[in-house]
Amino acid sequence: MLGETVDKEFTTVEDVAHTALFLATFPSNALTGQSIVVSHGWRMD
């Protein structure tokens, strides 16, 4: 599975938490209802 990621790393709980914190503190109302994928480029087909 790691071979299919961009940087050969798994997404961690910390990665998701940092993204959530960034989005929660983003100084704009323009991001509403957006999908943010935190996956290091890995996806299931």
PDB file of N, CA and C in Angstrom:
ATOM      1  N   MET A   1       0.819  -1.197   0.000  1.00  0.00           N
ATOM      2  CA  MET A   1       0.000   0.000   0.000  1.00  0.00           C
ATOM      3  C   MET A   1       0.861   1.259   0.000  1.00  0.00           C
ATOM      4  N   LEU A   2       1.976   1.234   0.702  1.00  0.00           N
ATOM      5  CA  LEU A   2       2.822   2.428   0.743  1.00  0.00           C
ATOM      6  C   LEU A   2       3.417   2.754  -0.617  1.00  0.00           C
ATOM      7  N   GLY A   3       3.594   1.741  -1.444  1.00  0.00           N
ATOM      8  CA  GLY A   3       4.146   1.973  -2.766  1.00  0.00           C
ATOM      9  C   GLY A   3       3.248   2.832  -3.641  1.00  0.00           C
ATOM     10  N   GLU A   4       1.968   2.910  -3.296  1.00  0.00           N
ATOM     11  CA  GLU A   4       1.022   3.694  -4.086  1.00  0.00           C
ATOM     12  C   GLU A   4       0.855   5.120  -3.571  1.00  0.00           C
ATOM     13  N   THR A   5       1.539   5.480  -2.469  1.00  0.00           N
ATOM     14  CA  THR A   5       1.430   6.844  -1.947  1.00  0.00           C
ATOM     15  C   THR A   5       2.499   7.731  -2.573  1.00  0.00           C
ATOM     16  N   VAL A   6       2.294   9.015  -2.517  1.00  0.00           N
ATOM     17  CA  VAL A   6       3.221   9.971  -3.112  1.00  0.00           C
ATOM     18  C   VAL A   6       4.561   9.957  -2.394  1.00  0.00           C
ATOM     19  N   ASP A   7       4.535   9.909  -1.059  1.00  0.00           N
ATOM     20  CA  ASP A   7       5.768  10.033  -0.282  1.00  0.00           C
ATOM     21  C   ASP A   7       6.098   8.792   0.541  1.00  0.00           C
ATOM     22  N   LYS A   8       5.444   7.680   0.227  1.00  0.00           N
ATOM     23  CA  LYS A   8       5.709   6.394   0.889  1.00  0.00           C
ATOM     24  C   LYS A   8       5.462   6.444   2.391  1.00  0.00           C
ATOM     25  N   GLU A   9       4.424   7.184   2.815  1.00  0.00           N
ATOM     26  CA  GLU A   9       4.061   7.287   4.228  1.00  0.00           C
ATOM     27  C   GLU A   9       2.568   7.055   4.397  1.00  0.00           C
ATOM     28  N   PHE A  10       2.209   6.460   5.541  1.00  0.00           N
ATOM     29  CA  PHE A  10       0.801   6.343   5.892  1.00  0.00           C
ATOM     30  C   PHE A  10       0.312   7.669   6.465  1.00  0.00           C
ATOM     31  N   THR A  11      -0.958   7.955   6.310  1.00  0.00           N
ATOM     32  CA  THR A  11      -1.576   9.108   6.942  1.00  0.00           C
ATOM     33  C   THR A  11      -1.773   8.794   8.416  1.00  0.00           C
ATOM     34  N   THR A  12      -1.346   9.702   9.277  1.00  0.00           N
ATOM     35  CA  THR A  12      -1.444   9.471  10.715  1.00  0.00           C
ATOM     36  C   THR A  12      -2.600  10.276  11.303  1.00  0.00           C
ATOM     37  N   VAL A  13      -2.940   9.954  12.535  1.00  0.00           N
ATOM     38  CA  VAL A  13      -3.942  10.722  13.261  1.00  0.00           C
ATOM     39  C   VAL A  13      -3.480  12.177  13.380  1.00  0.00           C
ATOM     40  N   GLU A  14      -2.189  12.372  13.560  1.00  0.00           N
ATOM     41  CA  GLU A  14      -1.647  13.727  13.663  1.00  0.00           C
ATOM     42  C   GLU A  14      -1.830  14.497  12.356  1.00  0.00           C
ATOM     43  N   ASP A  15      -1.667  13.825  11.212  1.00  0.00           N
ATOM     44  CA  ASP A  15      -1.896  14.472   9.914  1.00  0.00           C
ATOM     45  C   ASP A  15      -3.327  14.992   9.819  1.00  0.00           C
ATOM     46  N   VAL A  16      -4.275  14.161  10.207  1.00  0.00           N
ATOM     47  CA  VAL A  16      -5.684  14.541  10.153  1.00  0.00           C
ATOM     48  C   VAL A  16      -5.957  15.672  11.140  1.00  0.00           C
ATOM     49  N   ALA A  17      -5.390  15.591  12.350  1.00  0.00           N
ATOM     50  CA  ALA A  17      -5.596  16.626  13.366  1.00  0.00           C
ATOM     51  C   ALA A  17      -5.013  17.958  12.918  1.00  0.00           C
ATOM     52  N   HIS A  18      -3.836  17.949  12.316  1.00  0.00           N
ATOM     53  CA  HIS A  18      -3.227  19.198  11.836  1.00  0.00           C
ATOM     54  C   HIS A  18      -4.074  19.821  10.727  1.00  0.00           C
ATOM     55  N   THR A  19      -4.616  18.980   9.863  1.00  0.00           N
ATOM     56  CA  THR A  19      -5.472  19.488   8.786  1.00  0.00           C
ATOM     57  C   THR A  19      -6.752  20.087   9.356  1.00  0.00           C
ATOM     58  N   ALA A  20      -7.356  19.405  10.319  1.00  0.00           N
ATOM     59  CA  ALA A  20      -8.580  19.910  10.956  1.00  0.00           C
ATOM     60  C   ALA A  20      -8.316  21.236  11.656  1.00  0.00           C
ATOM     61  N   LEU A  21      -7.196  21.330  12.355  1.00  0.00           N
ATOM     62  CA  LEU A  21      -6.840  22.582  13.035  1.00  0.00           C
ATOM     63  C   LEU A  21      -6.619  23.705  12.031  1.00  0.00           C
ATOM     64  N   PHE A  22      -5.914  23.403  10.950  1.00  0.00           N
ATOM     65  CA  PHE A  22      -5.692  24.403   9.904  1.00  0.00           C
ATOM     66  C   PHE A  22      -7.017  24.911   9.352  1.00  0.00           C
ATOM     67  N   LEU A  23      -7.921  23.983   9.039  1.00  0.00           N
ATOM     68  CA  LEU A  23      -9.210  24.389   8.464  1.00  0.00           C
ATOM     69  C   LEU A  23     -10.064  25.146   9.470  1.00  0.00           C
ATOM     70  N   ALA A  24      -9.988  24.759  10.738  1.00  0.00           N
ATOM     71  CA  ALA A  24     -10.781  25.434  11.769  1.00  0.00           C
ATOM     72  C   ALA A  24     -10.295  26.850  12.026  1.00  0.00           C
ATOM     73  N   THR A  25      -9.025  27.108  11.770  1.00  0.00           N
ATOM     74  CA  THR A  25      -8.460  28.432  12.042  1.00  0.00           C
ATOM     75  C   THR A  25      -8.209  29.229  10.763  1.00  0.00           C
ATOM     76  N   PHE A  26      -8.615  28.704   9.618  1.00  0.00           N
ATOM     77  CA  PHE A  26      -8.415  29.397   8.340  1.00  0.00           C
ATOM     78  C   PHE A  26      -9.237  30.685   8.345  1.00  0.00           C
ATOM     79  N   PRO A  27      -8.592  31.829   8.117  1.00  0.00           N
ATOM     80  CA  PRO A  27      -9.265  33.129   8.269  1.00  0.00           C
ATOM     81  C   PRO A  27     -10.146  33.518   7.076  1.00  0.00           C
ATOM     82  N   SER A  28     -11.073  32.649   6.709  1.00  0.00           N
ATOM     83  CA  SER A  28     -11.948  32.951   5.584  1.00  0.00           C
ATOM     84  C   SER A  28     -13.254  32.182   5.725  1.00  0.00           C
ATOM     85  N   ASN A  29     -14.318  32.762   5.248  1.00  0.00           N
ATOM     86  CA  ASN A  29     -15.597  32.072   5.180  1.00  0.00           C
ATOM     87  C   ASN A  29     -15.811  31.438   3.812  1.00  0.00           C
ATOM     88  N   ALA A  30     -14.792  31.529   2.943  1.00  0.00           N
ATOM     89  CA  ALA A  30     -14.931  31.047   1.572  1.00  0.00           C
ATOM     90  C   ALA A  30     -14.907  29.526   1.475  1.00  0.00           C
ATOM     91  N   LEU A  31     -14.331  28.846   2.456  1.00  0.00           N
ATOM     92  CA  LEU A  31     -14.291  27.388   2.429  1.00  0.00           C
ATOM     93  C   LEU A  31     -15.517  26.841   3.159  1.00  0.00           C
ATOM     94  N   THR A  32     -16.545  26.558   2.417  1.00  0.00           N
ATOM     95  CA  THR A  32     -17.763  25.996   3.016  1.00  0.00           C
ATOM     96  C   THR A  32     -18.171  24.768   2.219  1.00  0.00           C
ATOM     97  N   GLY A  33     -18.324  23.654   2.904  1.00  0.00           N
ATOM     98  CA  GLY A  33     -18.765  22.430   2.249  1.00  0.00           C
ATOM     99  C   GLY A  33     -17.744  21.795   1.341  1.00  0.00           C
ATOM    100  N   GLN A  34     -16.476  22.064   1.566  1.00  0.00           N
ATOM    101  CA  GLN A  34     -15.431  21.493   0.727  1.00  0.00           C
ATOM    102  C   GLN A  34     -15.010  20.124   1.245  1.00  0.00           C
ATOM    103  N   SER A  35     -14.648  19.246   0.346  1.00  0.00           N
ATOM    104  CA  SER A  35     -14.086  17.946   0.727  1.00  0.00           C
ATOM    105  C   SER A  35     -12.570  18.065   0.711  1.00  0.00           C
ATOM    106  N   ILE A  36     -11.954  17.695   1.806  1.00  0.00           N
ATOM    107  CA  ILE A  36     -10.499  17.726   1.908  1.00  0.00           C
ATOM    108  C   ILE A  36     -10.031  16.287   2.104  1.00  0.00           C
ATOM    109  N   VAL A  37      -9.175  15.807   1.225  1.00  0.00           N
ATOM    110  CA  VAL A  37      -8.678  14.439   1.299  1.00  0.00           C
ATOM    111  C   VAL A  37      -7.288  14.460   1.918  1.00  0.00           C
ATOM    112  N   VAL A  38      -7.145  13.797   3.044  1.00  0.00           N
ATOM    113  CA  VAL A  38      -5.860  13.707   3.742  1.00  0.00           C
ATOM    114  C   VAL A  38      -5.395  12.264   3.585  1.00  0.00           C
ATOM    115  N   SER A  39      -4.621  11.978   2.531  1.00  0.00           N
ATOM    116  CA  SER A  39      -4.344  10.574   2.208  1.00  0.00           C
ATOM    117  C   SER A  39      -2.937  10.299   1.701  1.00  0.00           C
ATOM    118  N   HIS A  40      -2.082  11.298   1.626  1.00  0.00           N
ATOM    119  CA  HIS A  40      -0.743  11.124   1.034  1.00  0.00           C
ATOM    120  C   HIS A  40      -0.844  10.622  -0.401  1.00  0.00           C
ATOM    121  N   GLY A  41      -1.962  10.894  -1.046  1.00  0.00           N
ATOM    122  CA  GLY A  41      -2.146  10.521  -2.453  1.00  0.00           C
ATOM    123  C   GLY A  41      -2.646   9.111  -2.680  1.00  0.00           C
ATOM    124  N   TRP A  42      -2.898   8.338  -1.612  1.00  0.00           N
ATOM    125  CA  TRP A  42      -3.379   6.969  -1.758  1.00  0.00           C
ATOM    126  C   TRP A  42      -4.882   6.965  -1.925  1.00  0.00           C
ATOM    127  N   ARG A  43      -5.379   6.082  -2.755  1.00  0.00           N
ATOM    128  CA  ARG A  43      -6.822   5.974  -2.925  1.00  0.00           C
ATOM    129  C   ARG A  43      -7.193   4.535  -3.220  1.00  0.00           C
ATOM    130  N   MET A  44      -8.427   4.200  -2.939  1.00  0.00           N
ATOM    131  CA  MET A  44      -8.949   2.864  -3.256  1.00  0.00           C
ATOM    132  C   MET A  44      -9.751   2.955  -4.533  1.00  0.00           C
ATOM    133  N   ASP A  45      -9.510   2.039  -5.429  1.00  0.00           N
ATOM    134  CA  ASP A  45     -10.273   2.012  -6.689  1.00  0.00           C
ATOM    135  C   ASP A  45     -11.341   0.958  -6.651  1.00  0.00           C
TER     136      ASP A  45
END
